Amino acid sequence: MPTQEKMQSVASLRESLGTAKTAVLTEYRGLTVRQLSDLRKQLKAAAAEYKVVKNRLARLAVKDLELDPLGTHFKGPTGLVFTAKDPVPVAKALQAFVRANPALTINLGFVEGKVVQPAELKALADLPSKEALRSQLVGALQGPLSQLVSLLTAPQRELVQVLEARSKSAAEQPQQSEVRES
């Protein structure tokens, strides 16, 4: 018989996961409370949340959600990382933490509708963020466009330079003729 506390726990987790685009299942066995606290701080900086969940309650919470494919993978001591934002900073934060604390193992991930293995999450962590990719794209587009603008304005610029040279020479000629007359 489910207790009121368990029902509230499932409802709260379901509400949090309802907007999540990314979720990662981890096994936290062997980590201290301080290490888990550090992990939570790092993930919070990446706009993610880390919760230690009871497997049965987590399976109930993800049922009929987009994260439903993860339901069968809730086994053992499970920590759940989730975010509704960009998955790259979350993957980076997890990989950095795993390098420093190998006791944390990444079991499985769910990124924008697709179940991903730990190796794919590592590859995702190696990618630049969306903002960095956008700036690289803008830089790549800006170079040829500025060259095109320069090329298109060159004839007008050359015409202006010729007219300026002509006006200078015309201004100098009357002065030279005045000097000759004197």
Protein backbone atom coordinates (compact mmCIF):
# COMPACT_ATOMS: atom_id res chain seq x y z
CA MET A 1 0.00 0.00 0.00
CA PRO A 2 1.61 3.30 -1.05
CA THR A 3 1.99 5.85 1.69
CA GLN A 4 1.14 9.50 1.30
CA GLU A 5 4.84 10.39 1.58
CA LYS A 6 5.79 8.04 -1.25
CA MET A 7 2.99 9.37 -3.45
CA GLN A 8 4.18 12.92 -2.85
CA SER A 9 7.76 11.87 -3.60
CA VAL A 10 6.72 10.31 -6.92
CA ALA A 11 4.62 13.35 -7.82
CA SER A 12 7.48 15.73 -7.00
CA LEU A 13 9.99 13.69 -9.01
CA ARG A 14 7.54 13.36 -11.89
CA GLU A 15 7.03 17.14 -11.92
CA SER A 16 10.79 17.74 -11.98
CA LEU A 17 11.37 15.18 -14.73
CA GLY A 18 8.41 16.34 -16.81
CA THR A 19 10.41 19.20 -18.32
CA ALA A 20 13.77 17.42 -18.44
CA LYS A 21 15.40 17.06 -21.85
CA THR A 22 18.45 15.30 -20.46
CA ALA A 23 18.79 12.68 -17.73
CA VAL A 24 21.75 10.56 -16.67
CA LEU A 25 21.66 7.52 -14.42
CA THR A 26 24.69 7.14 -12.17
CA GLU A 27 25.85 4.74 -9.49
CA TYR A 28 27.19 6.62 -6.50
CA ARG A 29 28.45 3.64 -4.47
CA GLY A 30 31.77 4.52 -2.79
CA LEU A 31 31.27 8.30 -2.73
CA THR A 32 31.24 10.24 0.51
CA VAL A 33 28.57 12.74 1.46
CA ARG A 34 31.06 15.56 0.83
CA GLN A 35 31.79 14.24 -2.68
CA LEU A 36 28.07 14.01 -3.45
CA SER A 37 27.65 17.56 -2.18
CA ASP A 38 30.48 18.72 -4.48
CA LEU A 39 28.84 16.91 -7.39
CA ARG A 40 25.54 18.65 -6.69
CA LYS A 41 27.30 22.05 -6.63
CA GLN A 42 29.06 21.38 -9.94
CA LEU A 43 25.84 20.21 -11.57
CA LYS A 44 23.91 23.17 -10.19
CA ALA A 45 26.44 25.44 -11.92
CA ALA A 46 25.58 23.57 -15.15
CA ALA A 47 21.82 24.14 -14.55
CA ALA A 48 21.25 20.50 -13.58
CA GLU A 49 20.02 18.71 -10.50
CA TYR A 50 21.25 15.51 -8.83
CA LYS A 51 18.93 13.32 -6.77
CA VAL A 52 19.45 9.97 -5.15
CA VAL A 53 16.26 8.09 -5.96
CA LYS A 54 14.56 4.90 -4.91
CA ASN A 55 14.39 2.72 -8.00
CA ARG A 56 10.78 1.67 -7.64
CA LEU A 57 9.60 5.24 -7.09
CA ALA A 58 11.74 6.50 -9.98
CA ARG A 59 10.24 3.88 -12.31
CA LEU A 60 6.77 5.09 -11.33
CA ALA A 61 7.79 8.73 -11.83
CA VAL A 62 9.13 8.24 -15.39
CA LYS A 63 6.26 6.05 -16.51
CA ASP A 64 4.40 7.66 -19.44
CA LEU A 65 6.97 10.47 -19.64
CA GLU A 66 9.51 11.07 -22.38
CA LEU A 67 12.08 9.47 -20.04
CA ASP A 68 10.12 6.18 -19.90
CA PRO A 69 12.89 4.19 -21.71
CA LEU A 70 15.07 4.69 -18.63
CA GLY A 71 12.57 2.89 -16.40
CA THR A 72 14.07 -0.57 -16.86
CA HIS A 73 17.57 0.68 -15.99
CA PHE A 74 16.85 1.79 -12.41
CA LYS A 75 18.89 -0.85 -10.56
CA GLY A 76 21.26 -0.66 -7.62
CA PRO A 77 22.11 2.58 -5.84
CA THR A 78 20.92 5.13 -8.37
CA GLY A 79 21.62 8.82 -8.63
CA LEU A 80 19.69 10.76 -11.25
CA VAL A 81 21.03 13.85 -12.98
CA PHE A 82 18.50 15.85 -14.98
CA THR A 83 18.14 19.21 -16.68
CA ALA A 84 15.82 21.01 -19.09
CA LYS A 85 18.72 23.06 -20.50
CA ASP A 86 21.70 22.35 -22.77
CA PRO A 87 23.09 18.81 -22.20
CA VAL A 88 26.72 19.68 -23.05
CA PRO A 89 27.57 21.55 -19.79
CA VAL A 90 25.98 18.73 -17.80
CA ALA A 91 28.05 16.10 -19.62
CA LYS A 92 31.19 18.22 -19.11
CA ALA A 93 30.51 18.59 -15.38
CA LEU A 94 29.89 14.85 -14.99
CA GLN A 95 33.04 13.91 -16.91
CA ALA A 96 35.14 16.34 -14.86
CA PHE A 97 33.75 14.87 -11.65
CA VAL A 98 34.31 11.29 -12.81
CA ARG A 99 37.97 12.11 -13.62
CA ALA A 100 38.46 13.38 -10.07
CA ASN A 101 36.24 10.73 -8.41
CA PRO A 102 36.27 7.44 -10.33
CA ALA A 103 33.90 5.87 -7.78
CA LEU A 104 31.00 7.56 -9.60
CA THR A 105 29.97 5.49 -12.59
CA ILE A 106 27.72 6.67 -15.38
CA ASN A 107 25.29 3.92 -16.32
CA LEU A 108 23.10 5.41 -19.02
CA GLY A 109 21.88 8.71 -20.38
CA PHE A 110 18.87 10.16 -22.11
CA VAL A 111 19.57 13.19 -24.28
CA GLU A 112 16.79 14.99 -26.15
CA GLY A 113 14.70 11.91 -26.88
CA LYS A 114 17.47 9.35 -27.32
CA VAL A 115 18.98 6.81 -24.94
CA VAL A 116 22.77 7.16 -24.97
CA GLN A 117 25.58 5.03 -23.61
CA PRO A 118 28.34 6.42 -21.34
CA ALA A 119 30.79 6.62 -24.27
CA GLU A 120 28.34 8.83 -26.17
CA LEU A 121 28.00 11.08 -23.12
CA LYS A 122 31.80 11.38 -23.01
CA ALA A 123 31.80 12.38 -26.69
CA LEU A 124 29.09 14.92 -25.91
CA ALA A 125 31.27 16.34 -23.12
CA ASP A 126 34.09 16.84 -25.61
CA LEU A 127 31.88 19.06 -27.80
CA PRO A 128 31.96 22.83 -27.41
CA SER A 129 28.85 24.41 -25.94
CA LYS A 130 26.06 25.74 -28.17
CA GLU A 131 27.27 29.30 -27.64
CA ALA A 132 30.82 28.36 -28.70
CA LEU A 133 29.52 26.54 -31.79
CA ARG A 134 27.38 29.54 -32.69
CA SER A 135 30.32 31.92 -32.36
CA GLN A 136 32.47 29.62 -34.51
CA LEU A 137 29.72 29.57 -37.15
CA VAL A 138 29.37 33.35 -37.07
CA GLY A 139 33.14 33.71 -37.40
CA ALA A 140 33.22 31.32 -40.32
CA LEU A 141 30.43 33.24 -42.07
CA GLN A 142 31.74 36.69 -41.20
CA GLY A 143 35.11 36.29 -42.98
CA PRO A 144 33.77 35.63 -46.49
CA LEU A 145 30.98 38.19 -46.03
CA SER A 146 33.41 40.95 -45.06
CA GLN A 147 35.55 40.05 -48.08
CA LEU A 148 32.46 40.28 -50.28
CA VAL A 149 31.56 43.70 -48.88
CA SER A 150 35.15 44.87 -49.41
CA LEU A 151 35.09 43.57 -52.98
CA LEU A 152 31.76 45.25 -53.74
CA THR A 153 32.84 48.61 -52.30
CA ALA A 154 36.27 48.61 -53.98
CA PRO A 155 35.14 50.29 -57.26
CA GLN A 156 33.42 53.12 -55.36
CA ARG A 157 36.43 53.54 -53.09
CA GLU A 158 38.78 53.66 -56.10
CA LEU A 159 36.52 56.21 -57.84
CA VAL A 160 36.59 58.40 -54.72
CA GLN A 161 40.38 58.14 -54.61
CA VAL A 162 40.70 59.09 -58.31
CA LEU A 163 38.35 62.08 -57.83
CA GLU A 164 40.28 63.24 -54.76
CA ALA A 165 43.59 62.99 -56.66
CA ARG A 166 42.06 64.87 -59.60
CA SER A 167 40.74 67.64 -57.35
CA LYS A 168 44.14 67.96 -55.63
CA SER A 169 45.91 68.19 -58.99
CA ALA A 170 43.33 70.74 -60.21
CA ALA A 171 43.85 72.77 -57.04
CA GLU A 172 47.64 72.65 -57.49
CA GLN A 173 47.57 73.70 -61.19
CA PRO A 174 46.13 77.19 -60.58
CA GLN A 175 48.71 77.77 -57.87
CA GLN A 176 51.49 76.77 -60.25
CA SER A 177 50.17 79.08 -62.99
CA GLU A 178 50.03 81.97 -60.48
CA VAL A 179 53.66 81.30 -59.58
CA ARG A 180 54.68 81.41 -63.31
CA GLU A 181 52.89 84.71 -63.89
CA SER A 182 54.71 86.41 -61.08
